[in-house]
Amino acid sequence: MDFAVEDRFYTALSAVISARLGAEHPCAMATANAARSPSSRNVNAAHQELERLDSGIRKEVEQELETWMRGDI
């Protein structure tokens, strides 16, 4: 597992979600935890919170994240 890549991914994801839904949103907090420590437990929790998002919001987050991460791809 490449922690540096996962750290950047979850850091960007957390920033996008925090900007859209607020830093106290469960998904923002879960992705921030995954960014700080990309353990299986934290990554799974982040994915579970992502799945709980409204599909329209999740799609918007994914599109914005793609823009943020374009330099890493």
PDB file of N, CA and C in Angstrom:
ATOM      1  N   MET A   1       0.848  -1.177   0.000  1.00  0.00           N
ATOM      2  CA  MET A   1       0.000   0.000   0.000  1.00  0.00           C
ATOM      3  C   MET A   1       0.892   1.237   0.000  1.00  0.00           C
ATOM      4  N   ASP A   2       0.628   2.164  -0.884  1.00  0.00           N
ATOM      5  CA  ASP A   2       1.396   3.393  -0.963  1.00  0.00           C
ATOM      6  C   ASP A   2       0.717   4.448  -0.105  1.00  0.00           C
ATOM      7  N   PHE A   3       1.202   4.599   1.122  1.00  0.00           N
ATOM      8  CA  PHE A   3       0.556   5.508   2.063  1.00  0.00           C
ATOM      9  C   PHE A   3       0.578   6.952   1.589  1.00  0.00           C
ATOM     10  N   ALA A   4       1.661   7.382   0.938  1.00  0.00           N
ATOM     11  CA  ALA A   4       1.756   8.776   0.499  1.00  0.00           C
ATOM     12  C   ALA A   4       0.630   9.112  -0.470  1.00  0.00           C
ATOM     13  N   VAL A   5       0.334   8.227  -1.402  1.00  0.00           N
ATOM     14  CA  VAL A   5      -0.744   8.459  -2.362  1.00  0.00           C
ATOM     15  C   VAL A   5      -2.083   8.463  -1.643  1.00  0.00           C
ATOM     16  N   GLU A   6      -2.302   7.495  -0.766  1.00  0.00           N
ATOM     17  CA  GLU A   6      -3.565   7.455  -0.028  1.00  0.00           C
ATOM     18  C   GLU A   6      -3.723   8.682   0.854  1.00  0.00           C
ATOM     19  N   ASP A   7      -2.630   9.130   1.484  1.00  0.00           N
ATOM     20  CA  ASP A   7      -2.695  10.331   2.308  1.00  0.00           C
ATOM     21  C   ASP A   7      -3.187  11.515   1.482  1.00  0.00           C
ATOM     22  N   ARG A   8      -2.612  11.716   0.308  1.00  0.00           N
ATOM     23  CA  ARG A   8      -2.997  12.843  -0.548  1.00  0.00           C
ATOM     24  C   ARG A   8      -4.438  12.693  -1.014  1.00  0.00           C
ATOM     25  N   PHE A   9      -4.820  11.484  -1.387  1.00  0.00           N
ATOM     26  CA  PHE A   9      -6.181  11.247  -1.847  1.00  0.00           C
ATOM     27  C   PHE A   9      -7.181  11.597  -0.748  1.00  0.00           C
ATOM     28  N   TYR A  10      -6.994  11.042   0.433  1.00  0.00           N
ATOM     29  CA  TYR A  10      -7.958  11.282   1.509  1.00  0.00           C
ATOM     30  C   TYR A  10      -7.879  12.710   2.045  1.00  0.00           C
ATOM     31  N   THR A  11      -6.705  13.332   1.975  1.00  0.00           N
ATOM     32  CA  THR A  11      -6.596  14.738   2.361  1.00  0.00           C
ATOM     33  C   THR A  11      -7.417  15.607   1.410  1.00  0.00           C
ATOM     34  N   ALA A  12      -7.268  15.357   0.109  1.00  0.00           N
ATOM     35  CA  ALA A  12      -8.047  16.114  -0.881  1.00  0.00           C
ATOM     36  C   ALA A  12      -9.537  15.822  -0.735  1.00  0.00           C
ATOM     37  N   LEU A  13      -9.881  14.562  -0.551  1.00  0.00           N
ATOM     38  CA  LEU A  13     -11.283  14.181  -0.397  1.00  0.00           C
ATOM     39  C   LEU A  13     -11.888  14.859   0.826  1.00  0.00           C
ATOM     40  N   SER A  14     -11.166  14.860   1.918  1.00  0.00           N
ATOM     41  CA  SER A  14     -11.647  15.500   3.139  1.00  0.00           C
ATOM     42  C   SER A  14     -11.842  16.998   2.926  1.00  0.00           C
ATOM     43  N   ALA A  15     -10.917  17.629   2.212  1.00  0.00           N
ATOM     44  CA  ALA A  15     -11.033  19.067   1.943  1.00  0.00           C
ATOM     45  C   ALA A  15     -12.260  19.373   1.095  1.00  0.00           C
ATOM     46  N   VAL A  16     -12.494  18.565   0.086  1.00  0.00           N
ATOM     47  CA  VAL A  16     -13.658  18.772  -0.784  1.00  0.00           C
ATOM     48  C   VAL A  16     -14.950  18.600   0.015  1.00  0.00           C
ATOM     49  N   ILE A  17     -15.013  17.543   0.792  1.00  0.00           N
ATOM     50  CA  ILE A  17     -16.223  17.279   1.571  1.00  0.00           C
ATOM     51  C   ILE A  17     -16.425  18.346   2.645  1.00  0.00           C
ATOM     52  N   SER A  18     -15.338  18.737   3.295  1.00  0.00           N
ATOM     53  CA  SER A  18     -15.437  19.780   4.320  1.00  0.00           C
ATOM     54  C   SER A  18     -15.939  21.087   3.735  1.00  0.00           C
ATOM     55  N   ALA A  19     -15.450  21.439   2.551  1.00  0.00           N
ATOM     56  CA  ALA A  19     -15.880  22.676   1.912  1.00  0.00           C
ATOM     57  C   ALA A  19     -17.357  22.615   1.536  1.00  0.00           C
ATOM     58  N   ARG A  20     -17.809  21.451   1.144  1.00  0.00           N
ATOM     59  CA  ARG A  20     -19.209  21.286   0.701  1.00  0.00           C
ATOM     60  C   ARG A  20     -20.173  21.076   1.856  1.00  0.00           C
ATOM     61  N   LEU A  21     -19.778  20.258   2.818  1.00  0.00           N
ATOM     62  CA  LEU A  21     -20.710  19.829   3.863  1.00  0.00           C
ATOM     63  C   LEU A  21     -20.327  20.285   5.268  1.00  0.00           C
ATOM     64  N   GLY A  22     -19.142  20.858   5.420  1.00  0.00           N
ATOM     65  CA  GLY A  22     -18.672  21.298   6.730  1.00  0.00           C
ATOM     66  C   GLY A  22     -17.710  20.299   7.347  1.00  0.00           C
ATOM     67  N   ALA A  23     -16.749  20.810   8.081  1.00  0.00           N
ATOM     68  CA  ALA A  23     -15.704  19.978   8.679  1.00  0.00           C
ATOM     69  C   ALA A  23     -16.245  19.009   9.729  1.00  0.00           C
ATOM     70  N   GLU A  24     -17.405  19.308  10.282  1.00  0.00           N
ATOM     71  CA  GLU A  24     -17.982  18.454  11.327  1.00  0.00           C
ATOM     72  C   GLU A  24     -18.871  17.357  10.757  1.00  0.00           C
ATOM     73  N   HIS A  25     -19.042  17.340   9.441  1.00  0.00           N
ATOM     74  CA  HIS A  25     -19.858  16.296   8.814  1.00  0.00           C
ATOM     75  C   HIS A  25     -19.157  14.948   9.020  1.00  0.00           C
ATOM     76  N   PRO A  26     -19.911  13.890   9.328  1.00  0.00           N
ATOM     77  CA  PRO A  26     -19.297  12.572   9.563  1.00  0.00           C
ATOM     78  C   PRO A  26     -18.388  12.099   8.424  1.00  0.00           C
ATOM     79  N   CYS A  27     -18.745  12.416   7.200  1.00  0.00           N
ATOM     80  CA  CYS A  27     -17.910  11.991   6.072  1.00  0.00           C
ATOM     81  C   CYS A  27     -16.595  12.768   6.050  1.00  0.00           C
ATOM     82  N   ALA A  28     -16.651  14.060   6.346  1.00  0.00           N
ATOM     83  CA  ALA A  28     -15.430  14.869   6.403  1.00  0.00           C
ATOM     84  C   ALA A  28     -14.507  14.367   7.505  1.00  0.00           C
ATOM     85  N   MET A  29     -15.089  14.043   8.648  1.00  0.00           N
ATOM     86  CA  MET A  29     -14.274  13.555   9.761  1.00  0.00           C
ATOM     87  C   MET A  29     -13.673  12.187   9.451  1.00  0.00           C
ATOM     88  N   ALA A  30     -14.454  11.313   8.827  1.00  0.00           N
ATOM     89  CA  ALA A  30     -13.948   9.975   8.496  1.00  0.00           C
ATOM     90  C   ALA A  30     -12.829  10.049   7.463  1.00  0.00           C
ATOM     91  N   THR A  31     -12.983  10.916   6.460  1.00  0.00           N
ATOM     92  CA  THR A  31     -11.927  11.021   5.455  1.00  0.00           C
ATOM     93  C   THR A  31     -10.690  11.706   6.023  1.00  0.00           C
ATOM     94  N   ALA A  32     -10.864  12.622   6.960  1.00  0.00           N
ATOM     95  CA  ALA A  32      -9.715  13.242   7.623  1.00  0.00           C
ATOM     96  C   ALA A  32      -8.950  12.190   8.431  1.00  0.00           C
ATOM     97  N   ASN A  33      -9.678  11.300   9.103  1.00  0.00           N
ATOM     98  CA  ASN A  33      -9.017  10.213   9.838  1.00  0.00           C
ATOM     99  C   ASN A  33      -8.248   9.300   8.892  1.00  0.00           C
ATOM    100  N   ALA A  34      -8.832   9.006   7.735  1.00  0.00           N
ATOM    101  CA  ALA A  34      -8.152   8.161   6.751  1.00  0.00           C
ATOM    102  C   ALA A  34      -6.907   8.849   6.203  1.00  0.00           C
ATOM    103  N   ALA A  35      -6.956  10.175   6.084  1.00  0.00           N
ATOM    104  CA  ALA A  35      -5.788  10.925   5.607  1.00  0.00           C
ATOM    105  C   ALA A  35      -4.662  10.875   6.638  1.00  0.00           C
ATOM    106  N   ARG A  36      -5.015  11.021   7.915  1.00  0.00           N
ATOM    107  CA  ARG A  36      -4.005  11.003   8.977  1.00  0.00           C
ATOM    108  C   ARG A  36      -3.410   9.619   9.178  1.00  0.00           C
ATOM    109  N   SER A  37      -4.254   8.619   9.079  1.00  0.00           N
ATOM    110  CA  SER A  37      -3.817   7.239   9.309  1.00  0.00           C
ATOM    111  C   SER A  37      -4.607   6.320   8.387  1.00  0.00           C
ATOM    112  N   PRO A  38      -4.042   6.005   7.204  1.00  0.00           N
ATOM    113  CA  PRO A  38      -4.787   5.210   6.222  1.00  0.00           C
ATOM    114  C   PRO A  38      -4.813   3.709   6.534  1.00  0.00           C
ATOM    115  N   SER A  39      -5.183   3.396   7.756  1.00  0.00           N
ATOM    116  CA  SER A  39      -5.334   1.987   8.135  1.00  0.00           C
ATOM    117  C   SER A  39      -6.588   1.432   7.471  1.00  0.00           C
ATOM    118  N   SER A  40      -6.682   0.142   7.397  1.00  0.00           N
ATOM    119  CA  SER A  40      -7.865  -0.488   6.796  1.00  0.00           C
ATOM    120  C   SER A  40      -9.137  -0.027   7.488  1.00  0.00           C
ATOM    121  N   ARG A  41      -9.096   0.071   8.792  1.00  0.00           N
ATOM    122  CA  ARG A  41     -10.271   0.483   9.562  1.00  0.00           C
ATOM    123  C   ARG A  41     -10.717   1.896   9.172  1.00  0.00           C
ATOM    124  N   ASN A  42      -9.763   2.832   9.121  1.00  0.00           N
ATOM    125  CA  ASN A  42     -10.100   4.218   8.790  1.00  0.00           C
ATOM    126  C   ASN A  42     -10.545   4.366   7.338  1.00  0.00           C
ATOM    127  N   VAL A  43      -9.881   3.661   6.439  1.00  0.00           N
ATOM    128  CA  VAL A  43     -10.253   3.715   5.024  1.00  0.00           C
ATOM    129  C   VAL A  43     -11.657   3.142   4.831  1.00  0.00           C
ATOM    130  N   ASN A  44     -11.944   2.022   5.476  1.00  0.00           N
ATOM    131  CA  ASN A  44     -13.284   1.426   5.379  1.00  0.00           C
ATOM    132  C   ASN A  44     -14.349   2.358   5.937  1.00  0.00           C
ATOM    133  N   ALA A  45     -14.046   3.014   7.054  1.00  0.00           N
ATOM    134  CA  ALA A  45     -15.002   3.954   7.647  1.00  0.00           C
ATOM    135  C   ALA A  45     -15.259   5.122   6.691  1.00  0.00           C
ATOM    136  N   ALA A  46     -14.215   5.601   6.030  1.00  0.00           N
ATOM    137  CA  ALA A  46     -14.382   6.696   5.067  1.00  0.00           C
ATOM    138  C   ALA A  46     -15.264   6.257   3.907  1.00  0.00           C
ATOM    139  N   HIS A  47     -15.035   5.046   3.413  1.00  0.00           N
ATOM    140  CA  HIS A  47     -15.852   4.532   2.308  1.00  0.00           C
ATOM    141  C   HIS A  47     -17.315   4.344   2.729  1.00  0.00           C
ATOM    142  N   GLN A  48     -17.536   3.896   3.950  1.00  0.00           N
ATOM    143  CA  GLN A  48     -18.905   3.742   4.438  1.00  0.00           C
ATOM    144  C   GLN A  48     -19.616   5.091   4.500  1.00  0.00           C
ATOM    145  N   GLU A  49     -18.915   6.116   4.972  1.00  0.00           N
ATOM    146  CA  GLU A  49     -19.524   7.451   5.039  1.00  0.00           C
ATOM    147  C   GLU A  49     -19.775   8.006   3.639  1.00  0.00           C
ATOM    148  N   LEU A  50     -18.877   7.732   2.709  1.00  0.00           N
ATOM    149  CA  LEU A  50     -19.094   8.165   1.325  1.00  0.00           C
ATOM    150  C   LEU A  50     -20.351   7.530   0.753  1.00  0.00           C
ATOM    151  N   GLU A  51     -20.556   6.265   1.050  1.00  0.00           N
ATOM    152  CA  GLU A  51     -21.738   5.557   0.549  1.00  0.00           C
ATOM    153  C   GLU A  51     -23.028   6.122   1.126  1.00  0.00           C
ATOM    154  N   ARG A  52     -22.957   6.741   2.289  1.00  0.00           N
ATOM    155  CA  ARG A  52     -24.145   7.318   2.922  1.00  0.00           C
ATOM    156  C   ARG A  52     -24.555   8.654   2.314  1.00  0.00           C
ATOM    157  N   LEU A  53     -23.636   9.276   1.569  1.00  0.00           N
ATOM    158  CA  LEU A  53     -23.959  10.562   0.955  1.00  0.00           C
ATOM    159  C   LEU A  53     -25.024  10.389  -0.117  1.00  0.00           C
ATOM    160  N   ASP A  54     -25.821  11.419  -0.294  1.00  0.00           N
ATOM    161  CA  ASP A  54     -26.766  11.461  -1.399  1.00  0.00           C
ATOM    162  C   ASP A  54     -25.978  11.250  -2.692  1.00  0.00           C
ATOM    163  N   SER A  55     -26.542  10.465  -3.607  1.00  0.00           N
ATOM    164  CA  SER A  55     -25.801  10.120  -4.831  1.00  0.00           C
ATOM    165  C   SER A  55     -25.441  11.358  -5.657  1.00  0.00           C
ATOM    166  N   GLY A  56     -26.287  12.360  -5.673  1.00  0.00           N
ATOM    167  CA  GLY A  56     -25.986  13.585  -6.404  1.00  0.00           C
ATOM    168  C   GLY A  56     -24.816  14.340  -5.797  1.00  0.00           C
ATOM    169  N   ILE A  57     -24.811  14.442  -4.482  1.00  0.00           N
ATOM    170  CA  ILE A  57     -23.709  15.106  -3.788  1.00  0.00           C
ATOM    171  C   ILE A  57     -22.425  14.313  -3.975  1.00  0.00           C
ATOM    172  N   ARG A  58     -22.519  12.990  -3.856  1.00  0.00           N
ATOM    173  CA  ARG A  58     -21.336  12.143  -4.028  1.00  0.00           C
ATOM    174  C   ARG A  58     -20.737  12.324  -5.423  1.00  0.00           C
ATOM    175  N   LYS A  59     -21.581  12.413  -6.440  1.00  0.00           N
ATOM    176  CA  LYS A  59     -21.089  12.615  -7.807  1.00  0.00           C
ATOM    177  C   LYS A  59     -20.380  13.959  -7.927  1.00  0.00           C
ATOM    178  N   GLU A  60     -20.950  15.007  -7.345  1.00  0.00           N
ATOM    179  CA  GLU A  60     -20.317  16.330  -7.370  1.00  0.00           C
ATOM    180  C   GLU A  60     -18.972  16.305  -6.648  1.00  0.00           C
ATOM    181  N   VAL A  61     -18.919  15.625  -5.508  1.00  0.00           N
ATOM    182  CA  VAL A  61     -17.675  15.497  -4.751  1.00  0.00           C
ATOM    183  C   VAL A  61     -16.630  14.765  -5.593  1.00  0.00           C
ATOM    184  N   GLU A  62     -17.029  13.684  -6.239  1.00  0.00           N
ATOM    185  CA  GLU A  62     -16.102  12.918  -7.073  1.00  0.00           C
ATOM    186  C   GLU A  62     -15.565  13.761  -8.224  1.00  0.00           C
ATOM    187  N   GLN A  63     -16.418  14.571  -8.844  1.00  0.00           N
ATOM    188  CA  GLN A  63     -15.979  15.427  -9.946  1.00  0.00           C
ATOM    189  C   GLN A  63     -14.991  16.480  -9.458  1.00  0.00           C
ATOM    190  N   GLU A  64     -15.294  17.085  -8.320  1.00  0.00           N
ATOM    191  CA  GLU A  64     -14.387  18.093  -7.771  1.00  0.00           C
ATOM    192  C   GLU A  64     -13.078  17.457  -7.338  1.00  0.00           C
ATOM    193  N   LEU A  65     -13.144  16.278  -6.748  1.00  0.00           N
ATOM    194  CA  LEU A  65     -11.941  15.575  -6.326  1.00  0.00           C
ATOM    195  C   LEU A  65     -11.060  15.256  -7.532  1.00  0.00           C
ATOM    196  N   GLU A  66     -11.675  14.869  -8.622  1.00  0.00           N
ATOM    197  CA  GLU A  66     -10.914  14.569  -9.836  1.00  0.00           C
ATOM    198  C   GLU A  66     -10.119  15.800 -10.276  1.00  0.00           C
ATOM    199  N   THR A  67     -10.735  16.967 -10.189  1.00  0.00           N
ATOM    200  CA  THR A  67     -10.046  18.204 -10.543  1.00  0.00           C
ATOM    201  C   THR A  67      -8.874  18.459  -9.605  1.00  0.00           C
ATOM    202  N   TRP A  68      -9.081  18.275  -8.314  1.00  0.00           N
ATOM    203  CA  TRP A  68      -8.033  18.477  -7.312  1.00  0.00           C
ATOM    204  C   TRP A  68      -6.869  17.518  -7.520  1.00  0.00           C
ATOM    205  N   MET A  69      -7.190  16.277  -7.871  1.00  0.00           N
ATOM    206  CA  MET A  69      -6.161  15.224  -7.947  1.00  0.00           C
ATOM    207  C   MET A  69      -5.533  15.117  -9.334  1.00  0.00           C
ATOM    208  N   ARG A  70      -5.964  15.893 -10.271  1.00  0.00           N
ATOM    209  CA  ARG A  70      -5.484  15.775 -11.644  1.00  0.00           C
ATOM    210  C   ARG A  70      -3.956  15.756 -11.722  1.00  0.00           C
ATOM    211  N   GLY A  71      -3.303  16.520 -10.895  1.00  0.00           N
ATOM    212  CA  GLY A  71      -1.840  16.558 -10.883  1.00  0.00           C
ATOM    213  C   GLY A  71      -1.192  15.274 -10.406  1.00  0.00           C
ATOM    214  N   ASP A  72      -1.923  14.470  -9.650  1.00  0.00           N
ATOM    215  CA  ASP A  72      -1.389  13.214  -9.120  1.00  0.00           C
ATOM    216  C   ASP A  72      -1.656  12.024 -10.040  1.00  0.00           C
ATOM    217  N   ILE A  73      -2.510  12.226 -11.031  1.00  0.00           N
ATOM    218  CA  ILE A  73      -2.887  11.117 -11.904  1.00  0.00           C
ATOM    219  C   ILE A  73      -1.870  10.945 -12.996  1.00  0.00           C
TER     220      ILE A  73
END
